[in-house]
Amino acid sequence: MPAELHIVSVGNSLIGHLVEAGHFSPRPAMRDEAFWTQVLENPTELDRIYAFLEADPAGRSAEVRSLEFYLRTHGRRPSDVALYLVGTQTASNEIVRTTLTRYFKTLSHEIYTPQGVPGYFGSPEASAEDRPVEAFRQGMVELLGHLVDVTHQAQRTYSAVVFNATGGFKAHVVIVALAAFVTACPVYYIHEEFDELVEFPPLFYLPTPREVAFWQSRGDSAFPVTDCPEACLRRWLDFGLVQWVRDDATGTLLRLTSRAHALLKRLGET
């Protein structure tokens, strides 16, 4: 069984490369839902698109490229990583996810392609035609909840859940990254024109009541490392909640950072 689950935000980079290569004539608009629906329902066209991807996977798909970089960087095999592909409720993106699913399966990735994931159009109750902005906003809220729920379920099965925020609308990338931070999962991405994988460690941290009480008792005062509750120091340093300071009389001490004070203030407001 794969050790990791990667939640991948899928964009339309493959479609963009197809259009730029003159695959369709006349050149279709990305938002031409009727056109892309016809393509999606045409097996011959889907085979042509797959052949296009297969000829240069990493060059024609941002998602493939980022995943390849991750596997090389961490010494993983495709069979070590299961994929949960999340995109928009559009025919063009369904084409991309269908094509990527077909390709990733040839590499021995375990694939999940969920149906009806909220996002671009929001919930079925929201009319994208009548209230496009409201529907989009609601879709983002629902998408965040969906991703957090999926992550909590997956953490019972996989040793790690990792988010790939390379593809998708900017709003989707923001939500994917936020879901990663809320669930304390790593997130990575790569720009199509760069040759370096960008990886973020978990950036969100919710302290225990004991830690909150400790911070409140120290306030702005510096304190020795020996005062820290057991096993907390590493986390506090990793999340930028404390910093080292030098005291001429007592030596090196710790002090809460502005991030810790902001978190204390926010917790006090809830």
C-alpha atoms as a PDB file:
ATOM      1  CA  MET A   1       0.000   0.000   0.000  1.00  0.00           C
ATOM      2  CA  PRO A   2       1.290   3.539  -0.775  1.00  0.00           C
ATOM      3  CA  ALA A   3       2.872   5.338   2.162  1.00  0.00           C
ATOM      4  CA  GLU A   4       1.733   8.825   1.155  1.00  0.00           C
ATOM      5  CA  LEU A   5      -1.399  10.443  -0.230  1.00  0.00           C
ATOM      6  CA  HIS A   6      -0.881  13.557  -2.330  1.00  0.00           C
ATOM      7  CA  ILE A   7      -3.877  15.843  -2.742  1.00  0.00           C
ATOM      8  CA  VAL A   8      -3.245  17.447  -6.131  1.00  0.00           C
ATOM      9  CA  SER A   9      -4.885  20.642  -7.342  1.00  0.00           C
ATOM     10  CA  VAL A  10      -5.321  20.053 -11.072  1.00  0.00           C
ATOM     11  CA  GLY A  11      -5.313  22.988 -13.458  1.00  0.00           C
ATOM     12  CA  ASN A  12      -5.589  23.272 -17.220  1.00  0.00           C
ATOM     13  CA  SER A  13      -1.926  23.503 -18.209  1.00  0.00           C
ATOM     14  CA  LEU A  14      -2.329  20.461 -20.447  1.00  0.00           C
ATOM     15  CA  ILE A  15      -5.265  22.117 -22.229  1.00  0.00           C
ATOM     16  CA  GLY A  16      -3.236  25.303 -22.576  1.00  0.00           C
ATOM     17  CA  HIS A  17      -0.384  23.423 -24.252  1.00  0.00           C
ATOM     18  CA  LEU A  18      -2.869  21.668 -26.551  1.00  0.00           C
ATOM     19  CA  VAL A  19      -4.360  24.963 -27.660  1.00  0.00           C
ATOM     20  CA  GLU A  20      -0.947  26.601 -28.107  1.00  0.00           C
ATOM     21  CA  ALA A  21       0.195  23.646 -30.225  1.00  0.00           C
ATOM     22  CA  GLY A  22      -2.727  24.197 -32.586  1.00  0.00           C
ATOM     23  CA  HIS A  23      -4.417  20.950 -31.610  1.00  0.00           C
ATOM     24  CA  PHE A  24      -7.840  22.532 -32.223  1.00  0.00           C
ATOM     25  CA  SER A  25      -8.928  24.733 -35.090  1.00  0.00           C
ATOM     26  CA  PRO A  26     -10.409  27.229 -34.759  1.00  0.00           C
ATOM     27  CA  ARG A  27      -8.817  28.013 -31.423  1.00  0.00           C
ATOM     28  CA  PRO A  28     -11.394  27.453 -28.642  1.00  0.00           C
ATOM     29  CA  ALA A  29     -11.827  29.574 -25.549  1.00  0.00           C
ATOM     30  CA  MET A  30     -11.045  27.923 -22.233  1.00  0.00           C
ATOM     31  CA  ARG A  31     -14.516  28.850 -20.977  1.00  0.00           C
ATOM     32  CA  ASP A  32     -16.339  27.359 -23.987  1.00  0.00           C
ATOM     33  CA  GLU A  33     -18.082  24.671 -21.960  1.00  0.00           C
ATOM     34  CA  ALA A  34     -20.083  23.356 -24.932  1.00  0.00           C
ATOM     35  CA  PHE A  35     -16.931  22.790 -26.982  1.00  0.00           C
ATOM     36  CA  TRP A  36     -15.028  21.013 -24.205  1.00  0.00           C
ATOM     37  CA  THR A  37     -18.048  18.872 -23.375  1.00  0.00           C
ATOM     38  CA  GLN A  38     -18.039  17.591 -26.960  1.00  0.00           C
ATOM     39  CA  VAL A  39     -14.325  16.789 -26.647  1.00  0.00           C
ATOM     40  CA  LEU A  40     -14.875  15.033 -23.333  1.00  0.00           C
ATOM     41  CA  GLU A  41     -17.542  12.824 -24.887  1.00  0.00           C
ATOM     42  CA  ASN A  42     -15.373  11.897 -27.883  1.00  0.00           C
ATOM     43  CA  PRO A  43     -13.109   8.865 -27.154  1.00  0.00           C
ATOM     44  CA  THR A  44     -11.022   9.523 -30.267  1.00  0.00           C
ATOM     45  CA  GLU A  45     -10.261  13.056 -29.109  1.00  0.00           C
ATOM     46  CA  LEU A  46      -9.372  11.817 -25.630  1.00  0.00           C
ATOM     47  CA  ASP A  47      -6.934   9.333 -27.177  1.00  0.00           C
ATOM     48  CA  ARG A  48      -5.323  12.157 -29.176  1.00  0.00           C
ATOM     49  CA  ILE A  49      -4.974  14.256 -26.034  1.00  0.00           C
ATOM     50  CA  TYR A  50      -3.451  11.343 -24.162  1.00  0.00           C
ATOM     51  CA  ALA A  51      -0.937  10.772 -26.973  1.00  0.00           C
ATOM     52  CA  PHE A  52      -0.052  14.473 -26.789  1.00  0.00           C
ATOM     53  CA  LEU A  53       0.613  14.190 -23.056  1.00  0.00           C
ATOM     54  CA  GLU A  54       2.503  10.912 -23.393  1.00  0.00           C
ATOM     55  CA  ALA A  55       4.933  12.473 -25.876  1.00  0.00           C
ATOM     56  CA  ASP A  56       6.241  14.915 -23.225  1.00  0.00           C
ATOM     57  CA  PRO A  57       4.496  14.415 -19.861  1.00  0.00           C
ATOM     58  CA  ALA A  58       6.546  16.757 -17.694  1.00  0.00           C
ATOM     59  CA  GLY A  59       6.742  19.408 -20.403  1.00  0.00           C
ATOM     60  CA  ARG A  60       2.998  19.466 -21.060  1.00  0.00           C
ATOM     61  CA  SER A  61       1.558  19.007 -17.566  1.00  0.00           C
ATOM     62  CA  ALA A  62       2.506  21.097 -14.557  1.00  0.00           C
ATOM     63  CA  GLU A  63       1.076  18.413 -12.274  1.00  0.00           C
ATOM     64  CA  VAL A  64       3.245  15.668 -13.795  1.00  0.00           C
ATOM     65  CA  ARG A  65       6.328  17.865 -13.593  1.00  0.00           C
ATOM     66  CA  SER A  66       5.845  18.799  -9.960  1.00  0.00           C
ATOM     67  CA  LEU A  67       5.196  15.199  -8.956  1.00  0.00           C
ATOM     68  CA  GLU A  68       8.283  13.978 -10.825  1.00  0.00           C
ATOM     69  CA  PHE A  69      10.394  16.537  -8.963  1.00  0.00           C
ATOM     70  CA  TYR A  70       8.905  15.446  -5.642  1.00  0.00           C
ATOM     71  CA  LEU A  71       9.584  11.757  -6.309  1.00  0.00           C
ATOM     72  CA  ARG A  72      13.206  12.451  -7.262  1.00  0.00           C
ATOM     73  CA  THR A  73      13.787  14.798  -4.330  1.00  0.00           C
ATOM     74  CA  HIS A  74      12.435  12.336  -1.758  1.00  0.00           C
ATOM     75  CA  GLY A  75      13.530   9.065  -3.353  1.00  0.00           C
ATOM     76  CA  ARG A  76       9.968   7.844  -3.780  1.00  0.00           C
ATOM     77  CA  ARG A  77       8.595   5.466  -6.396  1.00  0.00           C
ATOM     78  CA  PRO A  78       5.201   6.095  -8.020  1.00  0.00           C
ATOM     79  CA  SER A  79       3.813   3.090  -6.171  1.00  0.00           C
ATOM     80  CA  ASP A  80       4.749   4.821  -2.889  1.00  0.00           C
ATOM     81  CA  VAL A  81       2.394   7.728  -3.570  1.00  0.00           C
ATOM     82  CA  ALA A  82      -1.394   7.652  -3.992  1.00  0.00           C
ATOM     83  CA  LEU A  83      -2.989  10.641  -5.714  1.00  0.00           C
ATOM     84  CA  TYR A  84      -6.252  12.447  -4.996  1.00  0.00           C
ATOM     85  CA  LEU A  85      -6.939  14.677  -7.999  1.00  0.00           C
ATOM     86  CA  VAL A  86      -9.081  17.736  -7.305  1.00  0.00           C
ATOM     87  CA  GLY A  87     -10.175  20.135 -10.032  1.00  0.00           C
ATOM     88  CA  THR A  88     -13.034  22.332 -11.156  1.00  0.00           C
ATOM     89  CA  GLN A  89     -16.498  21.261 -12.201  1.00  0.00           C
ATOM     90  CA  THR A  90     -15.831  22.047 -15.861  1.00  0.00           C
ATOM     91  CA  ALA A  91     -15.547  19.868 -18.941  1.00  0.00           C
ATOM     92  CA  SER A  92     -12.053  21.170 -19.748  1.00  0.00           C
ATOM     93  CA  ASN A  93     -10.727  20.230 -16.332  1.00  0.00           C
ATOM     94  CA  GLU A  94     -12.468  16.873 -16.456  1.00  0.00           C
ATOM     95  CA  ILE A  95     -10.549  16.216 -19.672  1.00  0.00           C
ATOM     96  CA  VAL A  96      -7.297  17.004 -17.906  1.00  0.00           C
ATOM     97  CA  ARG A  97      -8.069  14.864 -14.857  1.00  0.00           C
ATOM     98  CA  THR A  98      -9.225  11.965 -17.043  1.00  0.00           C
ATOM     99  CA  THR A  99      -6.019  12.147 -19.078  1.00  0.00           C
ATOM    100  CA  LEU A 100      -3.774  12.482 -16.029  1.00  0.00           C
ATOM    101  CA  THR A 101      -5.529   9.580 -14.325  1.00  0.00           C
ATOM    102  CA  ARG A 102      -4.881   7.391 -17.345  1.00  0.00           C
ATOM    103  CA  TYR A 103      -1.211   8.418 -17.428  1.00  0.00           C
ATOM    104  CA  PHE A 104      -0.558   8.125 -13.684  1.00  0.00           C
ATOM    105  CA  LYS A 105      -2.053   4.639 -13.627  1.00  0.00           C
ATOM    106  CA  THR A 106       0.571   3.492 -16.143  1.00  0.00           C
ATOM    107  CA  LEU A 107       3.203   4.533 -13.580  1.00  0.00           C
ATOM    108  CA  SER A 108       1.570   2.445 -10.813  1.00  0.00           C
ATOM    109  CA  HIS A 109       0.175   5.346  -8.814  1.00  0.00           C
ATOM    110  CA  GLU A 110      -2.972   4.567  -6.886  1.00  0.00           C
ATOM    111  CA  ILE A 111      -5.519   7.154  -8.070  1.00  0.00           C
ATOM    112  CA  TYR A 112      -8.614   8.714  -6.545  1.00  0.00           C
ATOM    113  CA  THR A 113     -10.687  10.935  -8.843  1.00  0.00           C
ATOM    114  CA  PRO A 114     -13.577  12.153  -6.698  1.00  0.00           C
ATOM    115  CA  GLN A 115     -16.829  13.197  -8.318  1.00  0.00           C
ATOM    116  CA  GLY A 116     -18.788  16.283  -7.370  1.00  0.00           C
ATOM    117  CA  VAL A 117     -16.018  17.983  -5.379  1.00  0.00           C
ATOM    118  CA  PRO A 118     -17.072  21.575  -4.599  1.00  0.00           C
ATOM    119  CA  GLY A 119     -15.103  24.460  -5.978  1.00  0.00           C
ATOM    120  CA  TYR A 120     -15.670  26.404  -9.155  1.00  0.00           C
ATOM    121  CA  PHE A 121     -19.481  26.258  -9.227  1.00  0.00           C
ATOM    122  CA  GLY A 122     -20.086  25.764  -5.517  1.00  0.00           C
ATOM    123  CA  SER A 123     -22.947  23.673  -4.193  1.00  0.00           C
ATOM    124  CA  PRO A 124     -25.798  22.445  -6.413  1.00  0.00           C
ATOM    125  CA  GLU A 125     -28.112  24.866  -4.607  1.00  0.00           C
ATOM    126  CA  ALA A 126     -26.072  27.858  -5.785  1.00  0.00           C
ATOM    127  CA  SER A 127     -26.805  29.012  -9.338  1.00  0.00           C
ATOM    128  CA  ALA A 128     -23.563  29.899 -11.120  1.00  0.00           C
ATOM    129  CA  GLU A 129     -25.571  31.687 -13.824  1.00  0.00           C
ATOM    130  CA  ASP A 130     -27.562  33.875 -11.449  1.00  0.00           C
ATOM    131  CA  ARG A 131     -24.949  34.480  -8.758  1.00  0.00           C
ATOM    132  CA  PRO A 132     -21.469  33.647 -10.135  1.00  0.00           C
ATOM    133  CA  VAL A 133     -19.448  35.443  -7.456  1.00  0.00           C
ATOM    134  CA  GLU A 134     -21.555  34.146  -4.579  1.00  0.00           C
ATOM    135  CA  ALA A 135     -21.442  30.617  -5.994  1.00  0.00           C
ATOM    136  CA  PHE A 136     -17.679  30.829  -6.389  1.00  0.00           C
ATOM    137  CA  ARG A 137     -17.186  32.072  -2.828  1.00  0.00           C
ATOM    138  CA  GLN A 138     -19.430  29.366  -1.431  1.00  0.00           C
ATOM    139  CA  GLY A 139     -17.589  26.787  -3.499  1.00  0.00           C
ATOM    140  CA  MET A 140     -14.286  27.837  -1.975  1.00  0.00           C
ATOM    141  CA  VAL A 141     -15.688  27.463   1.539  1.00  0.00           C
ATOM    142  CA  GLU A 142     -17.047  24.020   0.732  1.00  0.00           C
ATOM    143  CA  LEU A 143     -13.800  22.989  -0.968  1.00  0.00           C
ATOM    144  CA  LEU A 144     -11.801  23.844   2.152  1.00  0.00           C
ATOM    145  CA  GLY A 145     -14.122  21.761   4.320  1.00  0.00           C
ATOM    146  CA  HIS A 146     -13.968  18.877   1.859  1.00  0.00           C
ATOM    147  CA  LEU A 147     -10.165  18.852   1.752  1.00  0.00           C
ATOM    148  CA  VAL A 148      -9.873  19.001   5.547  1.00  0.00           C
ATOM    149  CA  ASP A 149     -12.306  16.084   5.884  1.00  0.00           C
ATOM    150  CA  VAL A 150     -10.428  14.030   3.275  1.00  0.00           C
ATOM    151  CA  THR A 151      -7.134  14.728   5.011  1.00  0.00           C
ATOM    152  CA  HIS A 152      -8.397  13.682   8.432  1.00  0.00           C
ATOM    153  CA  GLN A 153      -9.723  10.439   6.950  1.00  0.00           C
ATOM    154  CA  ALA A 154      -6.519   9.773   5.019  1.00  0.00           C
ATOM    155  CA  GLN A 155      -4.292  10.370   8.040  1.00  0.00           C
ATOM    156  CA  ARG A 156      -5.759   7.207   9.560  1.00  0.00           C
ATOM    157  CA  THR A 157      -4.472   5.167   6.628  1.00  0.00           C
ATOM    158  CA  TYR A 158      -1.391   6.860   5.211  1.00  0.00           C
ATOM    159  CA  SER A 159       1.823   7.748   7.007  1.00  0.00           C
ATOM    160  CA  ALA A 160       1.741  11.203   5.395  1.00  0.00           C
ATOM    161  CA  VAL A 161      -0.689  13.435   3.532  1.00  0.00           C
ATOM    162  CA  VAL A 162       0.967  15.997   1.263  1.00  0.00           C
ATOM    163  CA  PHE A 163      -0.620  18.768  -0.815  1.00  0.00           C
ATOM    164  CA  ASN A 164       0.466  19.619  -4.358  1.00  0.00           C
ATOM    165  CA  ALA A 165      -0.658  23.188  -5.093  1.00  0.00           C
ATOM    166  CA  THR A 166       0.880  23.504  -8.562  1.00  0.00           C
ATOM    167  CA  GLY A 167      -2.252  23.631 -10.726  1.00  0.00           C
ATOM    168  CA  GLY A 168      -5.638  25.298 -10.717  1.00  0.00           C
ATOM    169  CA  PHE A 169      -7.178  28.740 -10.353  1.00  0.00           C
ATOM    170  CA  LYS A 170      -5.348  31.037  -7.955  1.00  0.00           C
ATOM    171  CA  ALA A 171      -8.282  30.784  -5.569  1.00  0.00           C
ATOM    172  CA  HIS A 172      -8.049  26.988  -5.618  1.00  0.00           C
ATOM    173  CA  VAL A 173      -4.317  27.141  -4.921  1.00  0.00           C
ATOM    174  CA  VAL A 174      -4.985  29.389  -1.928  1.00  0.00           C
ATOM    175  CA  ILE A 175      -7.601  26.980  -0.570  1.00  0.00           C
ATOM    176  CA  VAL A 176      -5.358  23.945  -1.106  1.00  0.00           C
ATOM    177  CA  ALA A 177      -2.505  25.666   0.731  1.00  0.00           C
ATOM    178  CA  LEU A 178      -4.844  26.735   3.540  1.00  0.00           C
ATOM    179  CA  ALA A 179      -6.131  23.165   3.896  1.00  0.00           C
ATOM    180  CA  ALA A 180      -2.534  21.997   4.169  1.00  0.00           C
ATOM    181  CA  PHE A 181      -1.752  24.549   6.871  1.00  0.00           C
ATOM    182  CA  VAL A 182      -4.918  23.843   8.857  1.00  0.00           C
ATOM    183  CA  THR A 183      -4.219  20.108   8.858  1.00  0.00           C
ATOM    184  CA  ALA A 184      -0.481  20.572   9.540  1.00  0.00           C
ATOM    185  CA  CYS A 185       0.495  18.901   6.257  1.00  0.00           C
ATOM    186  CA  PRO A 186       3.392  19.826   3.961  1.00  0.00           C
ATOM    187  CA  VAL A 187       2.606  21.562   0.674  1.00  0.00           C
ATOM    188  CA  TYR A 188       4.730  21.846  -2.470  1.00  0.00           C
ATOM    189  CA  TYR A 189       4.598  23.303  -5.955  1.00  0.00           C
ATOM    190  CA  ILE A 190       6.806  24.122  -8.904  1.00  0.00           C
ATOM    191  CA  HIS A 191       6.518  26.849 -11.517  1.00  0.00           C
ATOM    192  CA  GLU A 192       6.564  25.527 -15.076  1.00  0.00           C
ATOM    193  CA  GLU A 193       9.580  27.685 -15.935  1.00  0.00           C
ATOM    194  CA  PHE A 194      11.605  26.912 -12.786  1.00  0.00           C
ATOM    195  CA  ASP A 195      13.824  23.935 -12.027  1.00  0.00           C
ATOM    196  CA  GLU A 196      13.454  23.940  -8.255  1.00  0.00           C
ATOM    197  CA  LEU A 197      10.713  22.320  -6.209  1.00  0.00           C
ATOM    198  CA  VAL A 198       9.333  24.656  -3.547  1.00  0.00           C
ATOM    199  CA  GLU A 199       8.312  22.859  -0.359  1.00  0.00           C
ATOM    200  CA  PHE A 200       6.713  24.354   2.718  1.00  0.00           C
ATOM    201  CA  PRO A 201       6.747  22.561   6.058  1.00  0.00           C
ATOM    202  CA  PRO A 202       3.583  22.634   8.192  1.00  0.00           C
ATOM    203  CA  LEU A 203       2.995  26.318   8.943  1.00  0.00           C
ATOM    204  CA  PHE A 204      -0.073  26.191  11.165  1.00  0.00           C
ATOM    205  CA  TYR A 205       0.053  25.305  14.822  1.00  0.00           C
ATOM    206  CA  LEU A 206      -2.663  25.147  17.473  1.00  0.00           C
ATOM    207  CA  PRO A 207      -1.166  25.115  20.978  1.00  0.00           C
ATOM    208  CA  THR A 208      -2.526  23.027  23.818  1.00  0.00           C
ATOM    209  CA  PRO A 209      -4.207  24.709  26.808  1.00  0.00           C
ATOM    210  CA  ARG A 210      -1.033  24.028  28.803  1.00  0.00           C
ATOM    211  CA  GLU A 211       1.092  25.864  26.243  1.00  0.00           C
ATOM    212  CA  VAL A 212      -1.332  28.788  26.094  1.00  0.00           C
ATOM    213  CA  ALA A 213      -1.195  29.100  29.872  1.00  0.00           C
ATOM    214  CA  PHE A 214       2.604  29.053  29.749  1.00  0.00           C
ATOM    215  CA  TRP A 215       2.736  31.814  27.129  1.00  0.00           C
ATOM    216  CA  GLN A 216       0.274  33.932  29.060  1.00  0.00           C
ATOM    217  CA  SER A 217       2.374  33.581  32.196  1.00  0.00           C
ATOM    218  CA  ARG A 218       5.507  34.764  30.368  1.00  0.00           C
ATOM    219  CA  GLY A 219       4.028  37.621  28.341  1.00  0.00           C
ATOM    220  CA  ASP A 220       6.830  39.808  26.984  1.00  0.00           C
ATOM    221  CA  SER A 221       9.392  38.516  29.482  1.00  0.00           C
ATOM    222  CA  ALA A 222      12.333  36.392  28.348  1.00  0.00           C
ATOM    223  CA  PHE A 223      12.677  32.966  29.958  1.00  0.00           C
ATOM    224  CA  PRO A 224      15.257  30.154  30.106  1.00  0.00           C
ATOM    225  CA  VAL A 225      14.872  27.128  27.863  1.00  0.00           C
ATOM    226  CA  THR A 226      14.579  24.895  30.929  1.00  0.00           C
ATOM    227  CA  ASP A 227      11.195  26.502  31.668  1.00  0.00           C
ATOM    228  CA  CYS A 228       9.664  25.158  28.431  1.00  0.00           C
ATOM    229  CA  PRO A 229       7.101  22.384  28.807  1.00  0.00           C
ATOM    230  CA  GLU A 230       8.512  19.050  27.753  1.00  0.00           C
ATOM    231  CA  ALA A 231       8.769  18.418  23.977  1.00  0.00           C
ATOM    232  CA  CYS A 232       7.466  21.900  23.076  1.00  0.00           C
ATOM    233  CA  LEU A 233      10.656  23.755  22.180  1.00  0.00           C
ATOM    234  CA  ARG A 234      11.224  22.134  18.783  1.00  0.00           C
ATOM    235  CA  ARG A 235       7.666  22.864  17.664  1.00  0.00           C
ATOM    236  CA  TRP A 236       7.806  26.431  18.902  1.00  0.00           C
ATOM    237  CA  LEU A 237      11.023  27.074  17.017  1.00  0.00           C
ATOM    238  CA  ASP A 238       9.751  25.372  13.848  1.00  0.00           C
ATOM    239  CA  PHE A 239       6.611  27.499  13.806  1.00  0.00           C
ATOM    240  CA  GLY A 240       8.389  30.732  14.700  1.00  0.00           C
ATOM    241  CA  LEU A 241       6.617  31.134  18.041  1.00  0.00           C
ATOM    242  CA  VAL A 242       9.771  31.770  20.095  1.00  0.00           C
ATOM    243  CA  GLN A 243      13.137  33.296  19.327  1.00  0.00           C
ATOM    244  CA  TRP A 244      16.537  33.233  20.973  1.00  0.00           C
ATOM    245  CA  VAL A 245      17.634  36.414  22.784  1.00  0.00           C
ATOM    246  CA  ARG A 246      20.844  37.254  24.609  1.00  0.00           C
ATOM    247  CA  ASP A 247      20.788  38.434  28.211  1.00  0.00           C
ATOM    248  CA  ASP A 248      24.109  39.744  29.559  1.00  0.00           C
ATOM    249  CA  ALA A 249      23.328  38.586  33.066  1.00  0.00           C
ATOM    250  CA  THR A 250      21.846  35.153  32.514  1.00  0.00           C
ATOM    251  CA  GLY A 251      22.997  34.132  29.019  1.00  0.00           C
ATOM    252  CA  THR A 252      20.757  32.888  26.179  1.00  0.00           C
ATOM    253  CA  LEU A 253      17.021  33.065  26.787  1.00  0.00           C
ATOM    254  CA  LEU A 254      13.800  32.652  24.831  1.00  0.00           C
ATOM    255  CA  ARG A 255      11.108  35.198  24.100  1.00  0.00           C
ATOM    256  CA  LEU A 256       7.698  34.869  22.477  1.00  0.00           C
ATOM    257  CA  THR A 257       7.531  36.259  18.943  1.00  0.00           C
ATOM    258  CA  SER A 258       4.889  38.544  17.480  1.00  0.00           C
ATOM    259  CA  ARG A 259       3.359  35.450  15.844  1.00  0.00           C
ATOM    260  CA  ALA A 260       2.829  33.843  19.252  1.00  0.00           C
ATOM    261  CA  HIS A 261       1.307  37.035  20.641  1.00  0.00           C
ATOM    262  CA  ALA A 262      -1.008  37.310  17.613  1.00  0.00           C
ATOM    263  CA  LEU A 263      -2.104  33.717  18.139  1.00  0.00           C
ATOM    264  CA  LEU A 264      -2.749  34.374  21.823  1.00  0.00           C
ATOM    265  CA  LYS A 265      -4.845  37.406  20.928  1.00  0.00           C
ATOM    266  CA  ARG A 266      -6.851  35.413  18.377  1.00  0.00           C
ATOM    267  CA  LEU A 267      -7.444  32.588  20.829  1.00  0.00           C
ATOM    268  CA  GLY A 268      -8.618  35.109  23.392  1.00  0.00           C
ATOM    269  CA  GLU A 269     -11.207  36.414  20.944  1.00  0.00           C
ATOM    270  CA  THR A 270     -12.783  32.997  20.308  1.00  0.00           C
END
